[in-house]
Amino acid sequence: MELARLPISASQRGKLISAGYTSLSSLSSLSPSTLAQDLKISDNEALEILRVVSQGSRLDKPDGSHAIVNGAQTAWDMLHEEESLKCITTSCVDLDDILGGGIKCKEVTEIGGVPGIGKTQLGIQLAVNVQIPVNYGGLGGKAIYIDTEGSFMLERSLQIAEACIEDMSGNSDFLQKDFQSCQVKAQPKDFLQNIFYFRVCSYTEQIAMINYLDKFISEHKDVNVVIIDSVTFHFRQDFDDLALRTRLLSGMALKLMKLAKKFSLAVVLLNQVTTKHTEGSFQLTLALGDSWSHSCTNRVILYWNGDERYAYIDKSPSLRSASAPYSVTGKGIRTATSKCKRIKIM
């Protein structure tokens, strides 16, 4: 039974479709409050809609079960799918190596570290690199950049785009024979036009933005990466009810994971650090607590080792724990060189 056959009003059906809910499966795991917010209706009305959906789901099942099962997938198929995942290069060879080729699509990757370590630089670099044409080993896609802190830098984005074009021009000798005569025709402004920028100023705006992404990406199917800089900022303020914060974060993480799978894109969440009291001492750790650490596929921690920047794979189901040095240069993120010093970009 699909939406057209549900015993609900035409107005309710129209609101569901407008909000992107076109099947019973898309409503199966929603809470009444989430549906009420998406449809701009009361919680009681949302609860009644979900009750009707639940009844419709049972009618469609011969055994009357509540679960909506889409079919099994073999472990062999899963391995093949994982091995064929597309990646977005970080422009650092060593970092790409420990990441298995770069930031993987269909996965949620959290990247955290202290201020000044290069989190935003890496976010902008990925927003540019996702646009590298397929002929040059890239995805030829577009980026969504959700800025919660106001840290996105247009001038820096332009510098990184110019350096990316310069790198592609310099690597033209390594292209396949059919493409050796090609010239890089992209302009820096073309890269900026392919970054969809959203500024959000509260946690409610952030949640609304995440809910809107499904519809936006459905209309812009060439989007291959979503970057949130930072996922933490608005959830570290004005939250006396930590249980509510945990529920909101869990719901947001679930939706981001579904987006990554549904649209075969990479989700990159930049995170801040906080102090944690452990065994009588204070230690730096990524913000949002232990429960949040399980919300992402991969977790990468950026840190200083003397004057050198390092990235460490802290958690991943498919990558081994490893560290790699990287540099933040005038051209963006690059492979570390010896005597890499702390330098301020711009």
Protein backbone atom coordinates (compact mmCIF):
# COMPACT_ATOMS: atom_id res chain seq x y z
CA MET A 1 0.00 0.00 0.00
CA GLU A 2 1.51 3.34 -1.04
CA LEU A 3 0.57 6.89 -0.02
CA ALA A 4 -2.15 7.25 -2.65
CA ARG A 5 -4.12 4.44 -1.02
CA LEU A 6 -3.77 5.55 2.59
CA PRO A 7 -7.02 6.72 4.25
CA ILE A 8 -5.79 10.23 4.95
CA SER A 9 -6.92 13.61 3.66
CA ALA A 10 -5.75 15.00 0.33
CA SER A 11 -4.13 17.88 2.22
CA GLN A 12 -2.12 15.52 4.40
CA ARG A 13 -1.12 13.43 1.39
CA GLY A 14 0.04 16.55 -0.44
CA LYS A 15 2.13 17.68 2.52
CA LEU A 16 3.79 14.27 2.73
CA ILE A 17 4.72 14.27 -0.94
CA SER A 18 5.94 17.88 -0.82
CA ALA A 19 8.19 16.99 2.12
CA GLY A 20 9.71 14.11 0.15
CA TYR A 21 7.81 11.22 1.74
CA THR A 22 6.65 9.18 -1.25
CA SER A 23 6.52 5.65 0.20
CA LEU A 24 5.60 3.86 3.40
CA SER A 25 9.23 2.89 3.95
CA SER A 26 10.25 6.56 4.10
CA LEU A 27 7.90 7.01 7.07
CA SER A 28 8.66 3.77 8.89
CA SER A 29 11.28 5.07 11.34
CA LEU A 30 10.02 8.63 11.92
CA SER A 31 8.97 10.04 15.27
CA PRO A 32 5.74 12.10 15.48
CA SER A 33 7.73 15.23 16.41
CA THR A 34 9.98 14.88 13.36
CA LEU A 35 7.04 14.40 11.02
CA ALA A 36 5.19 17.30 12.64
CA GLN A 37 8.18 19.55 12.05
CA ASP A 38 8.65 18.42 8.44
CA LEU A 39 4.95 18.85 7.58
CA LYS A 40 4.33 21.87 9.85
CA ILE A 41 1.43 20.15 11.57
CA SER A 42 0.57 19.32 15.19
CA ASP A 43 2.13 16.38 16.99
CA ASN A 44 -1.30 14.77 17.37
CA GLU A 45 -1.97 14.99 13.63
CA ALA A 46 1.47 13.53 12.90
CA LEU A 47 0.84 10.71 15.37
CA GLU A 48 -2.45 9.87 13.63
CA ILE A 49 -0.74 9.79 10.21
CA LEU A 50 1.95 7.43 11.50
CA ARG A 51 -0.72 5.19 13.06
CA VAL A 52 -2.46 4.91 9.68
CA VAL A 53 0.90 4.24 7.99
CA SER A 54 1.63 1.48 10.50
CA GLN A 55 -1.71 -0.17 9.79
CA GLY A 56 -1.14 0.10 6.06
CA SER A 57 2.28 -1.51 6.41
CA ARG A 58 0.79 -4.48 8.27
CA LEU A 59 -1.88 -4.92 5.61
CA ASP A 60 0.82 -5.20 2.96
CA LYS A 61 2.60 -7.99 4.87
CA PRO A 62 1.27 -11.56 4.60
CA ASP A 63 2.39 -12.27 8.17
CA GLY A 64 1.23 -8.92 9.51
CA SER A 65 4.72 -7.92 10.61
CA HIS A 66 5.64 -4.30 11.21
CA ALA A 67 9.07 -4.41 9.55
CA ILE A 68 9.57 -3.20 6.01
CA VAL A 69 12.18 -5.53 4.52
CA ASN A 70 13.87 -4.59 1.26
CA GLY A 71 15.77 -7.83 0.77
CA ALA A 72 19.04 -9.36 1.91
CA GLN A 73 22.51 -8.57 0.62
CA THR A 74 25.31 -11.11 0.68
CA ALA A 75 28.57 -10.39 2.47
CA TRP A 76 30.36 -10.94 -0.86
CA ASP A 77 28.26 -8.21 -2.49
CA MET A 78 28.98 -5.92 0.43
CA LEU A 79 32.73 -6.50 0.06
CA HIS A 80 32.58 -5.81 -3.67
CA GLU A 81 30.58 -2.64 -3.03
CA GLU A 82 33.07 -1.45 -0.44
CA GLU A 83 36.03 -2.08 -2.74
CA SER A 84 34.36 -0.09 -5.52
CA LEU A 85 33.51 2.95 -3.40
CA LYS A 86 34.52 6.25 -4.96
CA CYS A 87 36.84 8.53 -2.99
CA ILE A 88 37.55 12.25 -2.79
CA THR A 89 41.26 13.01 -2.59
CA THR A 90 42.52 15.22 0.23
CA SER A 91 45.48 16.39 -1.94
CA CYS A 92 47.81 14.77 0.62
CA VAL A 93 49.26 11.46 -0.59
CA ASP A 94 50.00 10.12 2.91
CA LEU A 95 46.56 11.06 4.22
CA ASP A 96 44.87 9.48 1.21
CA ASP A 97 46.87 6.31 1.83
CA ILE A 98 45.67 5.77 5.39
CA LEU A 99 42.11 6.64 4.32
CA GLY A 100 42.15 3.95 1.65
CA GLY A 101 42.27 6.41 -1.24
CA GLY A 102 40.60 9.45 0.29
CA ILE A 103 37.25 10.34 1.86
CA LYS A 104 34.86 7.58 0.83
CA CYS A 105 31.40 8.10 -0.62
CA LYS A 106 28.45 6.35 1.03
CA GLU A 107 30.08 6.94 4.41
CA VAL A 108 29.96 9.55 7.18
CA THR A 109 33.44 10.72 8.19
CA GLU A 110 34.02 12.83 11.29
CA ILE A 111 37.17 14.97 11.37
CA GLY A 112 38.06 16.71 14.62
CA GLY A 113 40.91 18.57 16.20
CA VAL A 114 42.09 21.63 18.08
CA PRO A 115 41.61 25.16 16.71
CA GLY A 116 44.13 26.05 14.00
CA ILE A 117 44.90 22.45 13.04
CA GLY A 118 43.31 22.86 9.57
CA LYS A 119 39.78 21.44 9.85
CA THR A 120 38.12 24.19 7.81
CA GLN A 121 41.05 24.16 5.37
CA LEU A 122 40.43 20.45 4.81
CA GLY A 123 36.69 21.02 4.44
CA ILE A 124 37.22 23.64 1.74
CA GLN A 125 39.81 21.42 0.06
CA LEU A 126 37.27 18.58 -0.20
CA ALA A 127 34.60 20.95 -1.52
CA VAL A 128 37.00 21.87 -4.33
CA ASN A 129 38.50 18.42 -4.95
CA VAL A 130 35.13 16.73 -5.37
CA GLN A 131 34.83 18.77 -8.58
CA ILE A 132 37.99 17.35 -10.20
CA PRO A 133 36.82 15.88 -13.54
CA VAL A 134 36.53 12.13 -13.97
CA ASN A 135 39.24 12.27 -16.67
CA TYR A 136 41.63 13.51 -14.00
CA GLY A 137 40.71 10.84 -11.48
CA GLY A 138 38.03 12.84 -9.69
CA LEU A 139 34.27 12.62 -9.29
CA GLY A 140 33.27 15.66 -11.34
CA GLY A 141 30.64 16.50 -8.73
CA LYS A 142 29.47 19.41 -6.59
CA ALA A 143 29.57 20.19 -2.88
CA ILE A 144 27.22 21.35 -0.15
CA TYR A 145 28.94 23.36 2.58
CA ILE A 146 26.93 23.97 5.76
CA ASP A 147 28.64 26.64 7.87
CA THR A 148 27.57 26.88 11.52
CA GLU A 149 30.45 29.04 12.74
CA GLY A 150 30.94 31.60 9.98
CA SER A 151 34.41 30.21 9.28
CA PHE A 152 34.05 29.63 5.53
CA MET A 153 36.54 31.82 3.61
CA LEU A 154 35.82 32.84 0.03
CA GLU A 155 39.34 34.11 -0.63
CA ARG A 156 40.79 30.84 0.65
CA SER A 157 38.38 28.84 -1.51
CA LEU A 158 39.55 30.81 -4.53
CA GLN A 159 43.21 30.11 -3.71
CA ILE A 160 42.56 26.37 -3.34
CA ALA A 161 40.56 26.30 -6.59
CA GLU A 162 43.39 28.06 -8.46
CA ALA A 163 45.90 25.57 -7.04
CA CYS A 164 43.66 22.64 -8.02
CA ILE A 165 43.55 23.85 -11.63
CA GLU A 166 47.32 24.31 -11.57
CA ASP A 167 47.78 20.74 -10.27
CA MET A 168 45.52 19.31 -12.99
CA SER A 169 47.44 21.17 -15.67
CA GLY A 170 50.73 19.87 -14.28
CA ASN A 171 49.47 16.27 -14.17
CA SER A 172 48.14 16.18 -17.74
CA ASP A 173 51.07 13.95 -18.78
CA PHE A 174 49.69 11.15 -16.60
CA LEU A 175 46.27 11.01 -18.24
CA GLN A 176 45.09 8.19 -20.45
CA LYS A 177 46.23 8.45 -24.05
CA ASP A 178 42.76 9.51 -25.23
CA PHE A 179 42.89 12.51 -22.92
CA GLN A 180 46.51 13.57 -23.26
CA SER A 181 45.58 16.35 -25.64
CA CYS A 182 42.94 17.75 -23.29
CA GLN A 183 43.54 21.08 -21.65
CA VAL A 184 42.13 22.21 -18.34
CA LYS A 185 39.42 24.69 -19.29
CA ALA A 186 37.92 25.18 -15.83
CA GLN A 187 38.20 28.56 -14.18
CA PRO A 188 38.38 29.21 -10.41
CA LYS A 189 34.93 30.81 -10.54
CA ASP A 190 33.54 27.54 -11.91
CA PHE A 191 34.65 25.77 -8.75
CA LEU A 192 33.03 28.39 -6.53
CA GLN A 193 29.77 28.11 -8.51
CA ASN A 194 29.66 24.40 -7.70
CA ILE A 195 29.81 24.89 -3.92
CA PHE A 196 26.31 25.32 -2.46
CA TYR A 197 26.83 27.33 0.72
CA PHE A 198 24.35 27.43 3.61
CA ARG A 199 24.82 29.50 6.77
CA VAL A 200 22.91 28.24 9.80
CA CYS A 201 22.74 30.21 13.04
CA SER A 202 21.02 27.89 15.53
CA TYR A 203 20.58 24.20 16.24
CA THR A 204 16.96 24.39 15.05
CA GLU A 205 18.14 25.82 11.72
CA GLN A 206 20.76 23.08 11.54
CA ILE A 207 18.18 20.33 12.06
CA ALA A 208 15.85 21.95 9.51
CA MET A 209 18.74 22.13 7.05
CA ILE A 210 19.50 18.42 7.48
CA ASN A 211 15.82 17.62 6.89
CA TYR A 212 15.88 19.75 3.71
CA LEU A 213 18.96 18.05 2.25
CA ASP A 214 17.05 15.05 0.87
CA LYS A 215 14.88 17.31 -1.29
CA PHE A 216 17.78 19.58 -2.31
CA ILE A 217 20.05 16.70 -3.33
CA SER A 218 17.18 15.05 -5.23
CA GLU A 219 17.11 18.23 -7.33
CA HIS A 220 20.92 18.43 -7.60
CA LYS A 221 21.96 14.83 -8.19
CA ASP A 222 25.55 15.77 -9.03
CA VAL A 223 26.25 16.63 -5.38
CA ASN A 224 28.88 14.18 -4.10
CA VAL A 225 29.85 15.62 -0.73
CA VAL A 226 28.11 17.32 2.20
CA ILE A 227 30.38 19.16 4.64
CA ILE A 228 29.19 20.50 8.00
CA ASP A 229 31.60 22.95 9.65
CA SER A 230 31.14 22.31 12.45
CA VAL A 231 28.51 19.81 13.49
CA THR A 232 29.22 20.74 17.11
CA PHE A 233 28.94 24.50 17.42
CA HIS A 234 25.22 25.03 18.12
CA PHE A 235 24.88 21.88 20.23
CA ARG A 236 27.44 23.04 22.79
CA GLN A 237 25.36 26.04 23.85
CA ASP A 238 22.05 26.53 25.67
CA PHE A 239 21.40 22.83 26.27
CA ASP A 240 20.41 22.11 29.86
CA ASP A 241 18.49 19.02 28.74
CA LEU A 242 21.30 16.67 27.69
CA ALA A 243 18.84 13.85 26.96
CA LEU A 244 17.11 16.08 24.41
CA ARG A 245 20.46 16.97 22.88
CA THR A 246 21.36 13.29 22.55
CA ARG A 247 18.03 12.52 20.84
CA LEU A 248 18.41 15.41 18.41
CA LEU A 249 21.99 14.46 17.55
CA SER A 250 21.07 10.80 17.09
CA GLY A 251 18.23 11.71 14.74
CA MET A 252 20.49 14.04 12.77
CA ALA A 253 23.24 11.41 12.48
CA LEU A 254 20.75 8.79 11.28
CA LYS A 255 19.47 11.10 8.55
CA LEU A 256 23.00 11.91 7.40
CA MET A 257 23.86 8.20 7.19
CA LYS A 258 20.74 7.59 5.11
CA LEU A 259 21.65 10.48 2.80
CA ALA A 260 25.15 9.08 2.28
CA LYS A 261 23.77 5.67 1.32
CA LYS A 262 20.80 6.87 -0.71
CA PHE A 263 22.72 9.32 -2.90
CA SER A 264 26.16 7.60 -2.83
CA LEU A 265 27.83 10.71 -1.46
CA ALA A 266 30.36 11.48 1.25
CA VAL A 267 29.27 13.25 4.43
CA VAL A 268 32.07 15.04 6.29
CA LEU A 269 31.42 16.33 9.80
CA LEU A 270 34.00 18.69 11.27
CA ASN A 271 34.11 18.59 15.07
CA GLN A 272 35.64 20.61 17.89
CA VAL A 273 37.48 19.38 20.97
CA THR A 274 36.61 19.56 24.64
CA THR A 275 38.23 18.47 27.91
CA LYS A 276 37.31 15.19 29.59
CA HIS A 277 38.15 14.23 33.16
CA THR A 278 39.65 10.73 33.16
CA GLU A 279 41.45 9.00 36.04
CA GLY A 280 42.19 12.20 37.90
CA SER A 281 43.38 14.26 34.93
CA PHE A 282 41.90 16.33 32.12
CA GLN A 283 42.40 15.19 28.54
CA LEU A 284 41.41 16.64 25.18
CA THR A 285 38.73 14.69 23.34
CA LEU A 286 36.29 15.36 20.52
CA ALA A 287 33.11 17.14 21.54
CA LEU A 288 29.56 15.77 21.97
CA GLY A 289 30.45 12.82 24.16
CA ASP A 290 30.88 9.08 23.84
CA SER A 291 27.42 8.39 22.41
CA TRP A 292 28.13 10.68 19.45
CA SER A 293 31.36 8.83 18.66
CA HIS A 294 29.28 5.89 17.41
CA SER A 295 27.27 8.04 14.99
CA CYS A 296 29.85 8.12 12.19
CA THR A 297 31.41 5.49 9.96
CA ASN A 298 34.95 6.85 10.29
CA ARG A 299 36.57 9.15 12.82
CA VAL A 300 39.77 11.06 12.04
CA ILE A 301 41.58 13.10 14.69
CA LEU A 302 43.92 15.91 13.64
CA TYR A 303 46.70 16.83 16.08
CA TRP A 304 50.06 18.54 16.45
CA ASN A 305 53.26 16.52 16.77
CA GLY A 306 55.76 19.22 17.54
CA ASP A 307 55.49 21.62 14.60
CA GLU A 308 53.97 19.03 12.28
CA ARG A 309 50.32 18.32 11.68
CA TYR A 310 49.18 14.69 11.81
CA ALA A 311 45.93 12.85 11.10
CA TYR A 312 45.05 9.70 13.03
CA ILE A 313 42.41 7.10 12.09
CA ASP A 314 40.70 6.70 15.46
CA LYS A 315 37.75 4.58 14.34
CA SER A 316 36.76 2.78 11.16
CA PRO A 317 35.15 -0.56 10.28
CA SER A 318 37.47 -1.05 7.30
CA LEU A 319 40.62 1.00 7.94
CA ARG A 320 43.40 0.13 10.36
CA SER A 321 44.49 2.66 12.95
CA ALA A 322 47.28 4.72 11.45
CA SER A 323 48.77 8.21 11.43
CA ALA A 324 49.97 10.38 8.56
CA PRO A 325 51.53 13.85 8.40
CA TYR A 326 50.00 16.59 6.27
CA SER A 327 50.67 20.25 5.58
CA VAL A 328 48.50 23.35 5.27
CA THR A 329 50.11 25.50 2.58
CA GLY A 330 49.18 28.48 0.48
CA LYS A 331 47.75 26.03 -2.06
CA GLY A 332 45.70 24.13 0.52
CA ILE A 333 46.16 20.70 2.08
CA ARG A 334 49.30 19.01 0.76
CA THR A 335 51.70 16.17 1.48
CA ALA A 336 53.93 17.08 4.42
CA THR A 337 57.49 18.11 3.79
CA SER A 338 60.35 18.00 6.24
CA LYS A 339 60.60 21.01 8.53
CA CYS A 340 56.89 21.73 8.24
CA LYS A 341 56.31 24.72 10.50
CA ARG A 342 53.17 26.19 11.99
CA ILE A 343 52.21 28.88 9.54
CA LYS A 344 49.15 31.10 9.49
CA ILE A 345 47.27 31.07 6.21
CA MET A 346 45.91 34.50 5.41
